[in-house]
Protein backbone atom coordinates (compact mmCIF):
# COMPACT_ATOMS: atom_id res chain seq x y z
CA MET A 1 0.41 0.68 -0.73
CA ARG A 2 2.52 2.68 0.96
CA GLY A 3 4.14 1.93 -2.83
CA LEU A 4 1.17 3.18 -4.88
CA ALA A 5 0.17 5.93 -2.74
CA PRO A 6 2.88 8.43 -3.91
CA ALA A 7 1.79 7.58 -7.38
CA GLY A 8 -1.67 8.24 -6.80
CA VAL A 9 -0.88 11.82 -5.44
CA VAL A 10 1.15 11.87 -8.47
CA VAL A 11 -1.22 11.24 -10.33
CA ALA A 12 -3.97 14.05 -8.64
CA VAL A 13 -1.85 16.37 -8.95
CA LEU A 14 -0.67 16.33 -13.06
CA LEU A 15 -4.55 15.28 -13.47
CA LEU A 16 -5.23 19.00 -11.69
CA ALA A 17 -2.85 20.91 -13.10
CA ALA A 18 -3.75 19.82 -16.71
CA PRO A 19 -6.98 21.76 -18.55
CA ALA A 20 -9.37 20.02 -19.66
CA SER A 21 -9.33 22.48 -22.79
CA ALA A 22 -7.74 25.35 -24.00
CA ASP A 23 -11.22 27.73 -22.34
CA THR A 24 -10.39 25.75 -18.52
CA PRO A 25 -8.17 27.22 -16.38
CA VAL A 26 -5.05 25.31 -14.63
CA GLY A 27 -6.06 23.70 -11.85
CA GLN A 28 -9.39 23.94 -12.50
CA LEU A 29 -12.02 21.45 -12.95
CA PRO A 30 -14.16 21.31 -15.86
CA THR A 31 -17.92 21.17 -14.87
CA ALA A 32 -19.39 18.36 -17.08
CA SER A 33 -22.50 18.62 -19.50
CA GLN A 34 -25.94 16.46 -18.64
CA ALA A 35 -24.90 13.88 -21.53
CA GLU A 36 -21.96 13.20 -20.16
CA LEU A 37 -23.47 12.52 -16.50
CA ASP A 38 -25.68 10.02 -18.51
CA ALA A 39 -23.02 8.62 -19.77
CA SER A 40 -21.01 7.85 -17.18
CA VAL A 41 -24.18 6.21 -15.70
CA HIS A 42 -24.11 1.49 -16.28
CA VAL A 43 -26.56 -0.13 -14.97
CA LEU A 44 -26.34 -3.81 -13.77
CA GLU A 45 -28.14 -5.94 -13.97
CA LEU A 46 -28.02 -8.59 -11.50
CA ASN A 47 -29.59 -12.03 -11.47
CA VAL A 48 -29.99 -13.28 -8.27
CA HIS A 49 -30.49 -16.67 -7.10
CA GLN A 50 -33.23 -17.31 -4.47
CA GLY A 51 -31.57 -20.60 -2.31
CA ASP A 52 -34.42 -22.02 0.76
CA LEU A 53 -33.33 -19.59 3.29
CA ASP A 54 -35.31 -22.53 5.30
CA ALA A 55 -32.92 -24.51 4.56
CA SER A 56 -30.08 -22.17 5.38
CA VAL A 57 -31.19 -20.20 9.35
CA THR A 58 -29.87 -22.21 11.75
CA GLN A 59 -32.51 -23.75 14.15
CA ILE A 60 -32.63 -22.15 17.68
CA ALA A 61 -34.74 -25.34 18.94
CA GLN A 62 -35.21 -29.07 17.43
CA GLU A 63 -38.89 -30.63 19.50
CA SER A 64 -38.19 -34.53 18.66
CA THR A 65 -39.58 -37.97 20.18
CA ASP A 66 -37.20 -40.34 21.88
CA GLY A 67 -38.74 -43.32 23.24
CA GLY A 68 -41.16 -42.02 25.44
CA ASP A 69 -39.29 -39.75 25.54
CA GLU A 70 -40.10 -35.27 24.67
CA VAL A 71 -36.34 -33.63 23.40
CA ILE A 72 -36.35 -29.94 22.71
CA THR A 73 -32.82 -29.88 21.68
CA LEU A 74 -31.17 -26.02 21.72
CA ALA A 75 -28.53 -25.55 19.28
CA SER A 76 -25.21 -23.70 21.29
CA ASP A 77 -24.03 -22.56 18.84
CA ILE A 78 -27.08 -19.71 18.73
CA LEU A 79 -27.44 -19.39 22.37
CA PHE A 80 -23.99 -19.91 23.40
CA ALA A 81 -20.15 -17.33 21.99
CA PHE A 82 -17.84 -19.16 22.16
CA ASP A 83 -16.73 -21.23 24.73
CA LYS A 84 -18.69 -19.70 27.19
CA SER A 85 -21.70 -20.67 29.25
CA ASP A 86 -23.71 -17.43 29.59
CA LEU A 87 -27.30 -16.70 28.50
CA SER A 88 -28.36 -13.98 26.31
CA SER A 89 -31.95 -12.19 27.39
CA ALA A 90 -33.58 -13.76 24.04
CA ALA A 91 -32.62 -17.20 24.24
CA THR A 92 -33.57 -16.90 27.68
CA ALA A 93 -37.02 -15.98 27.01
CA ARG A 94 -37.05 -18.19 24.44
CA ILE A 95 -36.43 -20.87 26.48
CA GLU A 96 -38.58 -19.63 28.89
CA ASP A 97 -41.42 -19.76 26.04
CA LEU A 98 -40.44 -23.79 25.09
CA VAL A 99 -40.94 -25.23 28.05
CA ALA A 100 -43.71 -23.62 28.96
CA GLU A 101 -45.61 -26.49 26.98
CA VAL A 102 -44.02 -29.34 29.58
CA PRO A 103 -47.08 -30.88 32.34
CA LYS A 104 -46.72 -29.78 35.66
CA GLY A 105 -44.40 -30.89 37.75
CA ALA A 106 -42.10 -33.08 35.08
CA ALA A 107 -39.13 -35.28 35.72
CA VAL A 108 -36.13 -32.91 33.33
CA ASP A 109 -33.42 -34.02 32.08
CA ILE A 110 -31.01 -31.08 30.99
CA GLY A 111 -28.05 -32.55 29.41
CA GLY A 112 -25.07 -30.41 27.72
CA TYR A 113 -22.52 -32.27 24.83
CA THR A 114 -19.87 -31.04 23.32
CA ASP A 115 -18.22 -31.56 19.92
CA SER A 116 -14.98 -33.21 20.08
CA LEU A 117 -12.48 -30.78 20.54
CA GLY A 118 -10.14 -29.59 23.18
CA SER A 119 -10.08 -32.39 25.95
CA THR A 120 -12.43 -34.68 27.29
CA ALA A 121 -11.92 -32.88 31.01
CA TYR A 122 -12.77 -29.68 29.62
CA ASN A 123 -15.27 -30.51 26.89
CA LYS A 124 -17.44 -32.16 30.11
CA LYS A 125 -17.34 -29.01 32.05
CA LEU A 126 -18.11 -26.65 30.07
CA SER A 127 -20.98 -28.59 29.31
CA THR A 128 -22.57 -28.88 32.28
CA ALA A 129 -21.88 -25.90 32.77
CA ARG A 130 -23.38 -24.46 29.87
CA ALA A 131 -26.91 -27.12 31.39
CA LYS A 132 -25.78 -25.67 33.96
CA ALA A 133 -27.30 -22.00 32.80
CA VAL A 134 -30.07 -23.54 30.44
CA ALA A 135 -31.24 -25.68 34.36
CA ASP A 136 -31.83 -22.09 35.19
CA VAL A 137 -33.31 -20.48 33.12
CA VAL A 138 -36.04 -23.28 32.84
CA GLY A 139 -35.89 -23.28 36.87
CA ASP A 140 -36.73 -19.83 37.22
CA ALA A 141 -39.82 -20.33 34.39
CA ARG A 142 -40.53 -23.72 36.04
CA SER A 143 -40.19 -23.96 39.46
CA ASP A 144 -42.96 -26.98 39.51
CA LEU A 145 -40.13 -28.69 37.40
CA ASP A 146 -37.91 -31.60 38.43
CA LEU A 147 -34.30 -29.99 37.20
CA THR A 148 -31.67 -33.21 36.53
CA VAL A 149 -28.56 -31.84 35.30
CA LYS A 150 -25.76 -33.08 33.80
CA GLY A 151 -23.03 -31.99 31.18
CA PHE A 152 -21.15 -35.10 28.51
CA GLY A 153 -19.14 -33.41 26.54
CA GLU A 154 -18.37 -34.77 23.60
CA ALA A 155 -20.21 -38.29 24.49
CA ASP A 156 -22.79 -39.10 22.29
CA PRO A 157 -22.06 -37.65 19.47
CA VAL A 158 -25.43 -37.18 17.24
CA ALA A 159 -23.31 -35.93 13.81
CA PRO A 160 -19.82 -37.11 12.92
CA ASN A 161 -17.12 -34.80 13.42
CA THR A 162 -15.19 -35.34 11.10
CA SER A 163 -15.89 -36.89 7.66
CA GLY A 164 -12.73 -38.67 5.74
CA GLY A 165 -10.47 -37.76 7.99
CA ASP A 166 -10.99 -33.96 7.83
CA ASP A 167 -12.89 -31.71 10.25
CA ASP A 168 -15.77 -31.41 9.09
CA PRO A 169 -17.08 -28.57 10.55
CA VAL A 170 -20.56 -29.22 10.11
CA GLY A 171 -20.76 -31.99 12.18
CA ARG A 172 -19.44 -30.65 15.42
CA ALA A 173 -21.57 -27.88 15.30
CA LYS A 174 -24.09 -30.13 15.64
CA ASN A 175 -22.84 -32.06 18.41
CA ARG A 176 -22.76 -29.19 19.40
CA ARG A 177 -25.64 -28.71 22.09
CA VAL A 178 -28.19 -28.75 25.10
CA GLU A 179 -31.07 -30.89 25.29
CA ILE A 180 -34.02 -30.26 27.33
CA ARG A 181 -36.01 -34.40 27.91
CA TYR A 182 -39.34 -35.37 29.96
CA SER A 183 -41.67 -37.77 29.69
CA PRO A 184 -45.28 -35.85 27.92
């Protein structure tokens, strides 16, 4: 960048020093005519491909059934900043909405999971902290529920962390989650 600046200055000086015509005084720029202005405008036609927007947006939660249990799977990448276990107010409000329909007095298991990066001990600690953060919100919203909280670290992946021996960021992202399980 430093090498380009002097050349740019020289060009600017030369443009300002050279009159556009014999009628234009040195150092003054000529006035463009309307025809010249119109000719300088170019219309660009852009072809925009509208993809499947729903497929490209990660949901904060997915609800499913596993055996006889209802499972709310929360995407950790949306709930938590990298390497953190603090929830935003928006995430807190969404979790409160998600547990509103849990039957009164239900036993609820809240489990945290990570991907396979990092040590097993660290992943277990982080997954436990994230599960506890979600459990705190659930407990505040629904004091009638019987909560059990556990961090599983990298155990029970729902997708491969690697593919063909290479890192699989999409698979790892699916494994970073917090699950809320209860019997209906």
